[in-house]
Amino acid sequence: MPCSDFEAELRILEAATHGILLSQKGKYRAVQHGKAVLIIYDDANISVVKTVETIFFSGFWKKKKRR
């Protein structure tokens, strides 16, 4: 169901603040919240969301046991 621009901004803000930090390099960081991954640029206490990507993770990788 489509949502308003205001509701979309609130969802992005929630994902940026409550998400899991995946990577941080320089002024860029990648944050995951559910199926969304946000690329965030931080500069002078201002955070700008550059891109929002959707991932489809099907499960965990299985390691082969050593014998």
PDB file of N, CA and C in Angstrom:
ATOM      1  N   MET A   1       0.842  -1.170   0.000  1.00  0.00           N
ATOM      2  CA  MET A   1       0.000   0.000   0.000  1.00  0.00           C
ATOM      3  C   MET A   1       0.895   1.243   0.000  1.00  0.00           C
ATOM      4  N   PRO A   2       0.702   2.159  -0.909  1.00  0.00           N
ATOM      5  CA  PRO A   2       1.514   3.377  -0.958  1.00  0.00           C
ATOM      6  C   PRO A   2       1.286   4.239   0.282  1.00  0.00           C
ATOM      7  N   CYS A   3       2.335   4.942   0.672  1.00  0.00           N
ATOM      8  CA  CYS A   3       2.218   5.826   1.831  1.00  0.00           C
ATOM      9  C   CYS A   3       2.599   7.244   1.408  1.00  0.00           C
ATOM     10  N   SER A   4       2.280   8.184   2.276  1.00  0.00           N
ATOM     11  CA  SER A   4       2.583   9.581   1.977  1.00  0.00           C
ATOM     12  C   SER A   4       4.085   9.832   2.096  1.00  0.00           C
ATOM     13  N   ASP A   5       4.533  10.962   1.571  1.00  0.00           N
ATOM     14  CA  ASP A   5       5.948  11.321   1.663  1.00  0.00           C
ATOM     15  C   ASP A   5       6.378  11.473   3.114  1.00  0.00           C
ATOM     16  N   PHE A   6       5.511  12.029   3.940  1.00  0.00           N
ATOM     17  CA  PHE A   6       5.823  12.222   5.354  1.00  0.00           C
ATOM     18  C   PHE A   6       6.019  10.884   6.058  1.00  0.00           C
ATOM     19  N   GLU A   7       5.126   9.932   5.776  1.00  0.00           N
ATOM     20  CA  GLU A   7       5.233   8.611   6.386  1.00  0.00           C
ATOM     21  C   GLU A   7       6.488   7.885   5.896  1.00  0.00           C
ATOM     22  N   ALA A   8       6.832   8.059   4.636  1.00  0.00           N
ATOM     23  CA  ALA A   8       8.047   7.446   4.100  1.00  0.00           C
ATOM     24  C   ALA A   8       9.288   8.014   4.780  1.00  0.00           C
ATOM     25  N   GLU A   9       9.318   9.322   5.009  1.00  0.00           N
ATOM     26  CA  GLU A   9      10.449   9.936   5.703  1.00  0.00           C
ATOM     27  C   GLU A   9      10.552   9.439   7.137  1.00  0.00           C
ATOM     28  N   LEU A  10       9.416   9.248   7.804  1.00  0.00           N
ATOM     29  CA  LEU A  10       9.436   8.715   9.165  1.00  0.00           C
ATOM     30  C   LEU A  10       9.973   7.291   9.197  1.00  0.00           C
ATOM     31  N   ARG A  11       9.605   6.487   8.211  1.00  0.00           N
ATOM     32  CA  ARG A  11      10.107   5.108   8.146  1.00  0.00           C
ATOM     33  C   ARG A  11      11.613   5.080   7.896  1.00  0.00           C
ATOM     34  N   ILE A  12      12.103   5.965   7.040  1.00  0.00           N
ATOM     35  CA  ILE A  12      13.541   6.037   6.776  1.00  0.00           C
ATOM     36  C   ILE A  12      14.281   6.494   8.024  1.00  0.00           C
ATOM     37  N   LEU A  13      13.735   7.464   8.745  1.00  0.00           N
ATOM     38  CA  LEU A  13      14.348   7.941   9.984  1.00  0.00           C
ATOM     39  C   LEU A  13      14.400   6.836  11.029  1.00  0.00           C
ATOM     40  N   GLU A  14      13.317   6.068  11.151  1.00  0.00           N
ATOM     41  CA  GLU A  14      13.291   4.955  12.099  1.00  0.00           C
ATOM     42  C   GLU A  14      14.336   3.907  11.734  1.00  0.00           C
ATOM     43  N   ALA A  15      14.446   3.588  10.454  1.00  0.00           N
ATOM     44  CA  ALA A  15      15.426   2.601  10.008  1.00  0.00           C
ATOM     45  C   ALA A  15      16.850   3.078  10.263  1.00  0.00           C
ATOM     46  N   ALA A  16      17.104   4.365  10.061  1.00  0.00           N
ATOM     47  CA  ALA A  16      18.455   4.905  10.264  1.00  0.00           C
ATOM     48  C   ALA A  16      18.843   4.911  11.734  1.00  0.00           C
ATOM     49  N   THR A  17      17.870   5.111  12.631  1.00  0.00           N
ATOM     50  CA  THR A  17      18.199   5.197  14.054  1.00  0.00           C
ATOM     51  C   THR A  17      18.161   3.851  14.762  1.00  0.00           C
ATOM     52  N   HIS A  18      17.317   2.923  14.313  1.00  0.00           N
ATOM     53  CA  HIS A  18      17.169   1.642  14.998  1.00  0.00           C
ATOM     54  C   HIS A  18      17.789   0.479  14.235  1.00  0.00           C
ATOM     55  N   GLY A  19      18.435   0.742  13.121  1.00  0.00           N
ATOM     56  CA  GLY A  19      18.998  -0.324  12.313  1.00  0.00           C
ATOM     57  C   GLY A  19      20.322  -0.843  12.853  1.00  0.00           C
ATOM     58  N   ILE A  20      20.823  -1.885  12.223  1.00  0.00           N
ATOM     59  CA  ILE A  20      22.086  -2.516  12.590  1.00  0.00           C
ATOM     60  C   ILE A  20      23.182  -1.955  11.696  1.00  0.00           C
ATOM     61  N   LEU A  21      24.264  -1.495  12.306  1.00  0.00           N
ATOM     62  CA  LEU A  21      25.387  -0.952  11.545  1.00  0.00           C
ATOM     63  C   LEU A  21      26.133  -2.096  10.878  1.00  0.00           C
ATOM     64  N   LEU A  22      26.156  -2.109   9.558  1.00  0.00           N
ATOM     65  CA  LEU A  22      26.848  -3.156   8.817  1.00  0.00           C
ATOM     66  C   LEU A  22      28.293  -2.785   8.536  1.00  0.00           C
ATOM     67  N   SER A  23      28.520  -1.538   8.158  1.00  0.00           N
ATOM     68  CA  SER A  23      29.851  -1.105   7.756  1.00  0.00           C
ATOM     69  C   SER A  23      29.956   0.400   7.927  1.00  0.00           C
ATOM     70  N   GLN A  24      31.183   0.848   8.200  1.00  0.00           N
ATOM     71  CA  GLN A  24      31.432   2.283   8.289  1.00  0.00           C
ATOM     72  C   GLN A  24      32.811   2.552   7.710  1.00  0.00           C
ATOM     73  N   LYS A  25      32.866   3.458   6.741  1.00  0.00           N
ATOM     74  CA  LYS A  25      34.129   3.792   6.098  1.00  0.00           C
ATOM     75  C   LYS A  25      34.137   5.286   5.832  1.00  0.00           C
ATOM     76  N   GLY A  26      34.995   6.000   6.542  1.00  0.00           N
ATOM     77  CA  GLY A  26      35.042   7.446   6.384  1.00  0.00           C
ATOM     78  C   GLY A  26      33.749   8.078   6.852  1.00  0.00           C
ATOM     79  N   LYS A  27      33.150   8.872   5.996  1.00  0.00           N
ATOM     80  CA  LYS A  27      31.900   9.553   6.342  1.00  0.00           C
ATOM     81  C   LYS A  27      30.666   8.764   5.922  1.00  0.00           C
ATOM     82  N   TYR A  28      30.860   7.577   5.340  1.00  0.00           N
ATOM     83  CA  TYR A  28      29.741   6.750   4.895  1.00  0.00           C
ATOM     84  C   TYR A  28      29.525   5.592   5.859  1.00  0.00           C
ATOM     85  N   ARG A  29      28.264   5.204   6.042  1.00  0.00           N
ATOM     86  CA  ARG A  29      27.950   4.015   6.825  1.00  0.00           C
ATOM     87  C   ARG A  29      26.755   3.303   6.205  1.00  0.00           C
ATOM     88  N   ALA A  30      26.740   2.001   6.355  1.00  0.00           N
ATOM     89  CA  ALA A  30      25.644   1.176   5.852  1.00  0.00           C
ATOM     90  C   ALA A  30      24.871   0.635   7.046  1.00  0.00           C
ATOM     91  N   VAL A  31      23.559   0.850   7.041  1.00  0.00           N
ATOM     92  CA  VAL A  31      22.697   0.434   8.144  1.00  0.00           C
ATOM     93  C   VAL A  31      21.598  -0.455   7.582  1.00  0.00           C
ATOM     94  N   GLN A  32      21.365  -1.603   8.249  1.00  0.00           N
ATOM     95  CA  GLN A  32      20.301  -2.509   7.826  1.00  0.00           C
ATOM     96  C   GLN A  32      19.161  -2.459   8.825  1.00  0.00           C
ATOM     97  N   HIS A  33      17.941  -2.380   8.303  1.00  0.00           N
ATOM     98  CA  HIS A  33      16.724  -2.432   9.125  1.00  0.00           C
ATOM     99  C   HIS A  33      15.721  -3.277   8.359  1.00  0.00           C
ATOM    100  N   GLY A  34      15.514  -4.493   8.808  1.00  0.00           N
ATOM    101  CA  GLY A  34      14.632  -5.407   8.082  1.00  0.00           C
ATOM    102  C   GLY A  34      15.261  -5.783   6.748  1.00  0.00           C
ATOM    103  N   LYS A  35      14.519  -5.612   5.665  1.00  0.00           N
ATOM    104  CA  LYS A  35      15.045  -5.918   4.334  1.00  0.00           C
ATOM    105  C   LYS A  35      15.691  -4.711   3.676  1.00  0.00           C
ATOM    106  N   ALA A  36      15.694  -3.572   4.353  1.00  0.00           N
ATOM    107  CA  ALA A  36      16.245  -2.346   3.765  1.00  0.00           C
ATOM    108  C   ALA A  36      17.672  -2.111   4.246  1.00  0.00           C
ATOM    109  N   VAL A  37      18.530  -1.691   3.332  1.00  0.00           N
ATOM    110  CA  VAL A  37      19.887  -1.265   3.660  1.00  0.00           C
ATOM    111  C   VAL A  37      20.018   0.188   3.228  1.00  0.00           C
ATOM    112  N   LEU A  38      20.390   1.052   4.172  1.00  0.00           N
ATOM    113  CA  LEU A  38      20.524   2.480   3.907  1.00  0.00           C
ATOM    114  C   LEU A  38      21.997   2.847   3.852  1.00  0.00           C
ATOM    115  N   ILE A  39      22.393   3.600   2.842  1.00  0.00           N
ATOM    116  CA  ILE A  39      23.736   4.159   2.763  1.00  0.00           C
ATOM    117  C   ILE A  39      23.614   5.608   3.230  1.00  0.00           C
ATOM    118  N   ILE A  40      24.280   5.927   4.341  1.00  0.00           N
ATOM    119  CA  ILE A  40      24.124   7.230   4.981  1.00  0.00           C
ATOM    120  C   ILE A  40      25.449   7.974   4.951  1.00  0.00           C
ATOM    121  N   TYR A  41      25.407   9.248   4.587  1.00  0.00           N
ATOM    122  CA  TYR A  41      26.572  10.131   4.550  1.00  0.00           C
ATOM    123  C   TYR A  41      26.478  11.094   5.723  1.00  0.00           C
ATOM    124  N   ASP A  42      27.492  11.091   6.594  1.00  0.00           N
ATOM    125  CA  ASP A  42      27.521  11.972   7.765  1.00  0.00           C
ATOM    126  C   ASP A  42      28.542  13.075   7.541  1.00  0.00           C
ATOM    127  N   ASP A  43      28.111  14.324   7.713  1.00  0.00           N
ATOM    128  CA  ASP A  43      29.023  15.454   7.577  1.00  0.00           C
ATOM    129  C   ASP A  43      28.548  16.585   8.478  1.00  0.00           C
ATOM    130  N   ALA A  44      29.397  17.014   9.393  1.00  0.00           N
ATOM    131  CA  ALA A  44      29.121  18.147  10.288  1.00  0.00           C
ATOM    132  C   ALA A  44      27.793  17.972  11.026  1.00  0.00           C
ATOM    133  N   ASN A  45      27.610  16.811  11.657  1.00  0.00           N
ATOM    134  CA  ASN A  45      26.409  16.498  12.440  1.00  0.00           C
ATOM    135  C   ASN A  45      25.128  16.492  11.615  1.00  0.00           C
ATOM    136  N   ILE A  46      25.238  16.360  10.311  1.00  0.00           N
ATOM    137  CA  ILE A  46      24.074  16.243   9.435  1.00  0.00           C
ATOM    138  C   ILE A  46      24.187  14.908   8.704  1.00  0.00           C
ATOM    139  N   SER A  47      23.148  14.090   8.814  1.00  0.00           N
ATOM    140  CA  SER A  47      23.127  12.793   8.145  1.00  0.00           C
ATOM    141  C   SER A  47      22.207  12.866   6.937  1.00  0.00           C
ATOM    142  N   VAL A  48      22.713  12.413   5.810  1.00  0.00           N
ATOM    143  CA  VAL A  48      21.944  12.411   4.566  1.00  0.00           C
ATOM    144  C   VAL A  48      21.861  10.973   4.069  1.00  0.00           C
ATOM    145  N   VAL A  49      20.641  10.471   3.856  1.00  0.00           N
ATOM    146  CA  VAL A  49      20.460   9.130   3.314  1.00  0.00           C
ATOM    147  C   VAL A  49      20.656   9.209   1.809  1.00  0.00           C
ATOM    148  N   LYS A  50      21.701   8.539   1.318  1.00  0.00           N
ATOM    149  CA  LYS A  50      22.017   8.589  -0.112  1.00  0.00           C
ATOM    150  C   LYS A  50      21.175   7.599  -0.912  1.00  0.00           C
ATOM    151  N   THR A  51      21.146   6.345  -0.468  1.00  0.00           N
ATOM    152  CA  THR A  51      20.378   5.330  -1.198  1.00  0.00           C
ATOM    153  C   THR A  51      19.688   4.398  -0.211  1.00  0.00           C
ATOM    154  N   VAL A  52      18.607   3.796  -0.660  1.00  0.00           N
ATOM    155  CA  VAL A  52      17.908   2.763   0.096  1.00  0.00           C
ATOM    156  C   VAL A  52      17.795   1.562  -0.825  1.00  0.00           C
ATOM    157  N   GLU A  53      18.367   0.450  -0.400  1.00  0.00           N
ATOM    158  CA  GLU A  53      18.337  -0.771  -1.196  1.00  0.00           C
ATOM    159  C   GLU A  53      17.528  -1.827  -0.460  1.00  0.00           C
ATOM    160  N   THR A  54      16.897  -2.714  -1.192  1.00  0.00           N
ATOM    161  CA  THR A  54      16.165  -3.831  -0.606  1.00  0.00           C
ATOM    162  C   THR A  54      16.949  -5.102  -0.869  1.00  0.00           C
ATOM    163  N   ILE A  55      17.121  -5.909   0.185  1.00  0.00           N
ATOM    164  CA  ILE A  55      17.840  -7.167   0.028  1.00  0.00           C
ATOM    165  C   ILE A  55      16.887  -8.316   0.316  1.00  0.00           C
ATOM    166  N   PHE A  56      17.150  -9.437  -0.289  1.00  0.00           N
ATOM    167  CA  PHE A  56      16.384 -10.646  -0.048  1.00  0.00           C
ATOM    168  C   PHE A  56      17.364 -11.700   0.435  1.00  0.00           C
ATOM    169  N   PHE A  57      17.361 -11.943   1.741  1.00  0.00           N
ATOM    170  CA  PHE A  57      18.289 -12.878   2.364  1.00  0.00           C
ATOM    171  C   PHE A  57      17.534 -14.162   2.642  1.00  0.00           C
ATOM    172  N   SER A  58      17.970 -15.262   2.044  1.00  0.00           N
ATOM    173  CA  SER A  58      17.206 -16.500   2.125  1.00  0.00           C
ATOM    174  C   SER A  58      17.596 -17.379   3.306  1.00  0.00           C
ATOM    175  N   GLY A  59      18.707 -17.114   3.966  1.00  0.00           N
ATOM    176  CA  GLY A  59      19.102 -17.961   5.093  1.00  0.00           C
ATOM    177  C   GLY A  59      20.577 -17.823   5.397  1.00  0.00           C
ATOM    178  N   PHE A  60      21.064 -18.705   6.207  1.00  0.00           N
ATOM    179  CA  PHE A  60      22.463 -18.668   6.618  1.00  0.00           C
ATOM    180  C   PHE A  60      23.276 -19.651   5.793  1.00  0.00           C
ATOM    181  N   TRP A  61      24.534 -19.318   5.607  1.00  0.00           N
ATOM    182  CA  TRP A  61      25.428 -20.206   4.891  1.00  0.00           C
ATOM    183  C   TRP A  61      25.799 -21.362   5.800  1.00  0.00           C
ATOM    184  N   LYS A  62      25.903 -22.541   5.236  1.00  0.00           N
ATOM    185  CA  LYS A  62      26.263 -23.716   6.032  1.00  0.00           C
ATOM    186  C   LYS A  62      27.736 -24.024   5.798  1.00  0.00           C
ATOM    187  N   LYS A  63      28.472 -24.128   6.900  1.00  0.00           N
ATOM    188  CA  LYS A  63      29.887 -24.479   6.811  1.00  0.00           C
ATOM    189  C   LYS A  63      30.021 -25.992   6.703  1.00  0.00           C
ATOM    190  N   LYS A  64      31.030 -26.415   5.952  1.00  0.00           N
ATOM    191  CA  LYS A  64      31.329 -27.838   5.899  1.00  0.00           C
ATOM    192  C   LYS A  64      32.131 -28.198   7.142  1.00  0.00           C
ATOM    193  N   LYS A  65      31.768 -29.311   7.751  1.00  0.00           N
ATOM    194  CA  LYS A  65      32.480 -29.747   8.948  1.00  0.00           C
ATOM    195  C   LYS A  65      33.803 -30.383   8.557  1.00  0.00           C
ATOM    196  N   ARG A  66      34.832 -30.051   9.319  1.00  0.00           N
ATOM    197  CA  ARG A  66      36.137 -30.683   9.097  1.00  0.00           C
ATOM    198  C   ARG A  66      36.190 -31.985   9.876  1.00  0.00           C
ATOM    199  N   ARG A  67      36.775 -32.983   9.249  1.00  0.00           N
ATOM    200  CA  ARG A  67      36.881 -34.285   9.928  1.00  0.00           C
ATOM    201  C   ARG A  67      38.299 -34.661  10.141  1.00  0.00           C
TER     202      ARG A  67
END
